[in-house]
Protein backbone atom coordinates (compact mmCIF):
# COMPACT_ATOMS: atom_id res chain seq x y z
CA MET A 1 92.79 -91.20 -37.83
CA ILE A 2 93.43 -87.86 -36.17
CA PRO A 3 90.55 -85.35 -36.10
CA SER A 4 92.31 -82.76 -38.25
CA ARG A 5 92.84 -85.33 -41.01
CA VAL A 6 89.16 -86.29 -40.85
CA PHE A 7 88.25 -82.60 -41.16
CA PHE A 8 90.39 -82.18 -44.28
CA LEU A 9 89.06 -85.42 -45.71
CA VAL A 10 85.47 -84.18 -45.34
CA LEU A 11 86.46 -80.78 -46.71
CA SER A 12 88.06 -82.35 -49.78
CA VAL A 13 84.94 -84.44 -50.39
CA LEU A 14 82.84 -81.26 -50.26
CA VAL A 15 85.18 -79.56 -52.74
CA ALA A 16 84.91 -82.55 -55.07
CA VAL A 17 81.10 -82.56 -54.91
CA ILE A 18 80.94 -78.81 -55.50
CA GLY A 19 83.25 -79.32 -58.47
CA LEU A 20 80.91 -81.93 -59.93
CA PHE A 21 77.91 -79.63 -59.51
CA ALA A 22 79.84 -76.75 -61.09
CA ALA A 23 80.85 -78.94 -64.03
CA ALA A 24 77.27 -80.09 -64.52
CA ALA A 25 75.87 -76.55 -64.48
CA ALA A 26 78.53 -74.95 -66.69
CA HIS A 27 78.61 -74.82 -70.47
CA ASP A 28 81.97 -73.47 -71.58
CA TYR A 29 85.40 -73.23 -69.97
CA LEU A 30 83.88 -73.30 -66.47
CA GLN A 31 83.14 -76.97 -66.99
CA SER A 32 86.87 -77.69 -67.01
CA PHE A 33 87.19 -75.64 -63.81
CA GLY A 34 84.55 -77.80 -62.14
CA LEU A 35 86.27 -80.97 -63.29
CA GLY A 36 89.55 -79.56 -61.99
CA LEU A 37 87.95 -78.96 -58.59
CA PHE A 38 86.66 -82.51 -58.61
CA ALA A 39 90.10 -83.88 -59.48
CA PHE A 40 91.76 -81.75 -56.79
CA GLY A 41 89.29 -82.85 -54.11
CA THR A 42 89.63 -86.50 -55.07
CA LEU A 43 93.42 -86.47 -55.16
CA PHE A 44 93.62 -84.54 -51.90
CA ALA A 45 91.33 -87.06 -50.19
CA LEU A 46 93.41 -89.95 -51.51
CA GLY A 47 96.54 -88.18 -50.27
CA CYS A 48 95.04 -87.87 -46.78
CA ILE A 49 94.20 -91.56 -46.74
CA LYS A 50 97.69 -92.48 -47.98
CA ARG A 51 99.32 -90.29 -45.33
CA HIS A 52 97.27 -92.01 -42.63
CA PHE A 53 98.36 -95.49 -43.70
CA ASP A 54 101.98 -94.40 -44.18
CA GLU A 55 102.09 -93.09 -40.62
CA ARG A 56 100.41 -96.23 -39.31
CA ASP A 57 102.92 -98.46 -41.10
CA ALA A 58 105.86 -96.40 -39.83
CA ALA A 59 104.63 -96.74 -36.24
CA HIS A 60 104.74 -100.54 -36.39
């Protein structure tokens, strides 16, 4: 895995964790914002992993 992809993978995990903490601390509409951050970070991380395996499969 290339270093830039690892960086964005770690960054997306941090965004997801921050989203979970924001959702836990919020009471109203900000809870949905925190859950949205969590969903974005999770889907972005999964997209990075998918891109890595797609490139690896295309190389072989």
